[in-house]
């Protein structure tokens, strides 16, 4: 995965946990990790569209886009980033 967050050096890898991988694959859609008041949040791209500056993390046939601002601080995309009210989507 290539990083385009304005940092020099080698590209970073962001790990997707198995439960988030299952969540994405079951819902058959792309998601985006963006900034919320409570920290990073995982939302469908139909709710929060990706930006050209986002990192792209492949999950099967789908993509999890990561805001360049969040990418600096996270090492993994985990279940805690899924909002409770989106658990059934």
N, C-alpha and C. Protein backbone atom coordinates (compact mmCIF):
# COMPACT_ATOMS: atom_id res chain seq x y z
N UNK A 1 0.83 -1.16 0.00
CA UNK A 1 0.00 0.00 0.00
C UNK A 1 0.89 1.23 0.00
N UNK A 2 0.54 2.19 -0.80
CA UNK A 2 1.31 3.42 -0.87
C UNK A 2 0.70 4.47 0.05
N UNK A 3 1.55 5.21 0.69
CA UNK A 3 1.12 6.27 1.58
C UNK A 3 1.33 7.61 0.89
N UNK A 4 0.34 8.47 0.96
CA UNK A 4 0.46 9.79 0.38
C UNK A 4 -0.03 10.80 1.42
N UNK A 5 0.66 10.83 2.56
CA UNK A 5 0.23 11.71 3.64
C UNK A 5 1.24 12.82 3.92
N UNK A 6 2.09 13.06 2.95
CA UNK A 6 3.03 14.16 3.09
C UNK A 6 4.19 13.87 4.01
N UNK A 7 4.46 12.62 4.26
CA UNK A 7 5.59 12.26 5.11
C UNK A 7 6.65 11.61 4.25
N UNK A 8 7.89 11.89 4.56
CA UNK A 8 8.96 11.24 3.81
C UNK A 8 9.25 9.89 4.43
N UNK A 9 9.95 9.06 3.69
CA UNK A 9 10.30 7.74 4.20
C UNK A 9 9.45 6.66 3.57
N UNK A 10 9.59 5.41 4.05
CA UNK A 10 8.87 4.30 3.46
C UNK A 10 7.37 4.40 3.72
N UNK A 11 6.58 3.74 2.86
CA UNK A 11 5.13 3.77 3.03
C UNK A 11 4.75 2.96 4.26
N UNK A 12 3.64 3.33 4.84
CA UNK A 12 3.14 2.68 6.05
C UNK A 12 2.11 1.64 5.70
N UNK A 13 1.99 0.67 6.57
CA UNK A 13 0.95 -0.34 6.44
C UNK A 13 -0.03 -0.17 7.58
N UNK A 14 -1.31 -0.23 7.27
CA UNK A 14 -2.34 -0.17 8.29
C UNK A 14 -3.04 -1.52 8.27
N UNK A 15 -3.07 -2.18 9.41
CA UNK A 15 -3.63 -3.51 9.56
C UNK A 15 -5.14 -3.44 9.76
N UNK A 16 -5.87 -4.33 9.09
CA UNK A 16 -7.32 -4.45 9.27
C UNK A 16 -7.57 -5.71 10.07
N UNK A 17 -8.22 -5.58 11.23
CA UNK A 17 -8.47 -6.74 12.07
C UNK A 17 -9.47 -7.68 11.38
N UNK A 18 -9.48 -8.93 11.81
CA UNK A 18 -10.35 -9.93 11.20
C UNK A 18 -11.82 -9.58 11.34
N UNK A 19 -12.23 -9.02 12.49
CA UNK A 19 -13.64 -8.69 12.66
C UNK A 19 -14.07 -7.55 11.74
N UNK A 20 -13.22 -6.59 11.50
CA UNK A 20 -13.54 -5.51 10.56
C UNK A 20 -13.51 -6.04 9.13
N UNK A 21 -12.57 -6.92 8.83
CA UNK A 21 -12.53 -7.55 7.51
C UNK A 21 -13.86 -8.27 7.23
N UNK A 22 -14.35 -9.03 8.20
CA UNK A 22 -15.63 -9.73 8.06
C UNK A 22 -16.78 -8.74 7.89
N UNK A 23 -16.74 -7.66 8.67
CA UNK A 23 -17.77 -6.61 8.61
C UNK A 23 -17.85 -6.03 7.20
N UNK A 24 -16.70 -5.69 6.62
CA UNK A 24 -16.66 -5.12 5.27
C UNK A 24 -17.14 -6.13 4.22
N UNK A 25 -16.64 -7.35 4.30
CA UNK A 25 -17.00 -8.37 3.32
C UNK A 25 -18.47 -8.75 3.39
N UNK A 26 -19.06 -8.78 4.57
CA UNK A 26 -20.48 -9.11 4.71
C UNK A 26 -21.37 -8.01 4.14
N UNK A 27 -20.92 -6.77 4.26
CA UNK A 27 -21.73 -5.65 3.79
C UNK A 27 -21.51 -5.32 2.33
N UNK A 28 -20.47 -5.89 1.72
CA UNK A 28 -20.20 -5.75 0.28
C UNK A 28 -20.21 -4.30 -0.18
N UNK A 29 -19.39 -3.50 0.51
CA UNK A 29 -19.28 -2.09 0.13
C UNK A 29 -17.94 -1.53 0.61
N UNK A 30 -17.58 -0.38 0.08
CA UNK A 30 -16.37 0.31 0.51
C UNK A 30 -16.68 1.14 1.76
N UNK A 31 -15.64 1.37 2.55
CA UNK A 31 -15.76 2.16 3.77
C UNK A 31 -14.66 3.20 3.81
N UNK A 32 -14.82 4.16 4.73
CA UNK A 32 -13.80 5.19 4.93
C UNK A 32 -13.60 5.43 6.42
N UNK A 33 -12.35 5.50 6.83
CA UNK A 33 -12.01 5.90 8.19
C UNK A 33 -11.79 7.40 8.14
N UNK A 34 -12.64 8.12 8.86
CA UNK A 34 -12.52 9.57 8.86
C UNK A 34 -12.48 10.08 10.29
N UNK A 35 -12.41 11.38 10.44
CA UNK A 35 -12.28 12.01 11.74
C UNK A 35 -13.65 12.36 12.30
N UNK A 36 -13.86 12.00 13.56
CA UNK A 36 -15.07 12.38 14.28
C UNK A 36 -14.64 12.96 15.63
N UNK A 37 -15.57 13.54 16.33
CA UNK A 37 -15.26 14.13 17.64
C UNK A 37 -14.64 13.11 18.59
N UNK A 38 -15.09 11.87 18.50
CA UNK A 38 -14.60 10.84 19.42
C UNK A 38 -13.37 10.09 18.90
N UNK A 39 -12.88 10.49 17.73
CA UNK A 39 -11.71 9.82 17.15
C UNK A 39 -12.04 9.22 15.80
N UNK A 40 -11.22 8.28 15.33
CA UNK A 40 -11.46 7.70 14.02
C UNK A 40 -12.75 6.89 13.99
N UNK A 41 -13.47 6.99 12.87
CA UNK A 41 -14.75 6.31 12.72
C UNK A 41 -14.81 5.66 11.34
N UNK A 42 -15.37 4.46 11.26
CA UNK A 42 -15.50 3.71 10.01
C UNK A 42 -16.92 3.86 9.50
N UNK A 43 -17.07 4.52 8.35
CA UNK A 43 -18.38 4.75 7.76
C UNK A 43 -18.41 4.27 6.32
N UNK A 44 -19.58 3.85 5.84
CA UNK A 44 -19.69 3.49 4.42
C UNK A 44 -19.39 4.71 3.55
N UNK A 45 -18.85 4.48 2.38
CA UNK A 45 -18.53 5.60 1.49
C UNK A 45 -19.80 6.29 0.98
N UNK A 46 -20.95 5.65 1.11
CA UNK A 46 -22.20 6.31 0.76
C UNK A 46 -22.54 7.41 1.76
N UNK A 47 -21.99 7.31 2.96
CA UNK A 47 -22.20 8.32 4.00
C UNK A 47 -21.05 9.33 4.01
N UNK A 48 -19.82 8.83 3.89
CA UNK A 48 -18.63 9.68 3.91
C UNK A 48 -17.76 9.30 2.72
N UNK A 49 -17.93 9.98 1.59
CA UNK A 49 -17.18 9.63 0.37
C UNK A 49 -15.67 9.79 0.53
N UNK A 50 -14.90 8.97 -0.19
CA UNK A 50 -13.44 9.07 -0.10
C UNK A 50 -12.94 10.35 -0.76
N UNK A 51 -11.74 10.74 -0.34
CA UNK A 51 -11.07 11.88 -0.96
C UNK A 51 -9.86 11.37 -1.73
N UNK A 52 -9.40 12.15 -2.67
CA UNK A 52 -8.26 11.74 -3.49
C UNK A 52 -6.99 11.60 -2.66
N UNK A 53 -6.93 12.25 -1.52
CA UNK A 53 -5.75 12.19 -0.67
C UNK A 53 -5.75 11.00 0.30
N UNK A 54 -6.82 10.22 0.32
CA UNK A 54 -6.93 9.08 1.23
C UNK A 54 -5.99 7.94 0.85
N UNK A 55 -5.54 7.22 1.86
CA UNK A 55 -4.84 5.95 1.63
C UNK A 55 -5.89 4.91 1.30
N UNK A 56 -5.52 3.92 0.50
CA UNK A 56 -6.46 2.87 0.14
C UNK A 56 -5.96 1.54 0.69
N UNK A 57 -6.80 0.91 1.51
CA UNK A 57 -6.46 -0.37 2.11
C UNK A 57 -7.41 -1.41 1.52
N UNK A 58 -6.89 -2.37 0.74
CA UNK A 58 -7.76 -3.38 0.13
C UNK A 58 -8.26 -4.39 1.16
N UNK A 59 -9.54 -4.73 1.05
CA UNK A 59 -10.16 -5.77 1.86
C UNK A 59 -10.99 -6.62 0.90
N UNK A 60 -10.42 -7.71 0.44
CA UNK A 60 -11.09 -8.51 -0.58
C UNK A 60 -11.30 -7.68 -1.83
N UNK A 61 -12.54 -7.65 -2.33
CA UNK A 61 -12.89 -6.86 -3.51
C UNK A 61 -13.23 -5.41 -3.17
N UNK A 62 -13.12 -5.05 -1.92
CA UNK A 62 -13.53 -3.73 -1.46
C UNK A 62 -12.34 -2.94 -0.94
N UNK A 63 -12.58 -1.66 -0.67
CA UNK A 63 -11.51 -0.78 -0.22
C UNK A 63 -11.94 -0.05 1.03
N UNK A 64 -11.03 0.05 1.98
CA UNK A 64 -11.23 0.93 3.13
C UNK A 64 -10.30 2.12 2.90
N UNK A 65 -10.90 3.28 2.73
CA UNK A 65 -10.15 4.50 2.54
C UNK A 65 -9.83 5.08 3.92
N UNK A 66 -8.64 5.61 4.06
CA UNK A 66 -8.23 6.17 5.35
C UNK A 66 -7.81 7.62 5.13
N UNK A 67 -8.46 8.49 5.86
CA UNK A 67 -8.12 9.91 5.80
C UNK A 67 -6.63 10.10 6.07
N UNK A 68 -6.01 10.96 5.30
CA UNK A 68 -4.57 11.19 5.51
C UNK A 68 -4.29 11.73 6.90
N UNK A 69 -5.27 12.38 7.51
CA UNK A 69 -5.08 12.90 8.86
C UNK A 69 -5.13 11.78 9.89
N UNK A 70 -6.00 10.80 9.69
CA UNK A 70 -6.08 9.67 10.61
C UNK A 70 -4.92 8.70 10.39
N UNK A 71 -4.46 8.57 9.15
CA UNK A 71 -3.41 7.60 8.82
C UNK A 71 -2.13 7.85 9.61
N UNK A 72 -1.90 9.06 10.00
CA UNK A 72 -0.70 9.39 10.78
C UNK A 72 -0.71 8.77 12.16
N UNK A 73 -1.91 8.48 12.67
CA UNK A 73 -2.05 8.10 14.08
C UNK A 73 -2.51 6.67 14.31
N UNK A 74 -3.03 5.99 13.28
CA UNK A 74 -3.56 4.65 13.52
C UNK A 74 -2.66 3.59 12.90
N UNK A 75 -2.59 2.47 13.58
CA UNK A 75 -1.83 1.33 13.08
C UNK A 75 -2.76 0.21 12.61
N UNK A 76 -4.01 0.23 13.14
CA UNK A 76 -4.96 -0.80 12.74
C UNK A 76 -6.36 -0.22 12.65
N UNK A 77 -7.17 -0.86 11.83
CA UNK A 77 -8.59 -0.53 11.72
C UNK A 77 -9.31 -1.63 12.48
N UNK A 78 -9.98 -1.27 13.58
CA UNK A 78 -10.54 -2.26 14.48
C UNK A 78 -12.02 -1.98 14.75
N UNK A 79 -12.66 -2.94 15.39
CA UNK A 79 -14.10 -2.89 15.66
C UNK A 79 -14.52 -1.64 16.44
N UNK A 80 -13.66 -1.12 17.25
CA UNK A 80 -13.98 0.09 18.02
C UNK A 80 -14.24 1.30 17.15
N UNK A 81 -13.89 1.24 15.87
CA UNK A 81 -14.12 2.35 14.95
C UNK A 81 -15.50 2.28 14.29
N UNK A 82 -16.20 1.16 14.49
CA UNK A 82 -17.54 1.00 13.89
C UNK A 82 -18.55 1.61 14.83
N UNK A 83 -19.31 2.61 14.36
CA UNK A 83 -20.33 3.21 15.22
C UNK A 83 -21.41 2.19 15.56
N UNK A 84 -21.91 2.22 16.77
CA UNK A 84 -22.92 1.26 17.21
C UNK A 84 -24.14 1.29 16.31
N UNK A 85 -24.57 2.48 15.89
CA UNK A 85 -25.78 2.58 15.09
C UNK A 85 -25.61 2.07 13.67
N UNK A 86 -24.39 1.78 13.23
CA UNK A 86 -24.15 1.20 11.91
C UNK A 86 -23.91 -0.30 11.98
N UNK A 87 -24.05 -0.88 13.14
CA UNK A 87 -23.76 -2.31 13.30
C UNK A 87 -24.66 -3.19 12.45
N UNK A 88 -25.86 -2.72 12.12
CA UNK A 88 -26.79 -3.53 11.34
C UNK A 88 -26.71 -3.25 9.85
N UNK A 89 -25.93 -2.32 9.39
CA UNK A 89 -25.80 -2.03 7.96
C UNK A 89 -24.93 -3.03 7.28
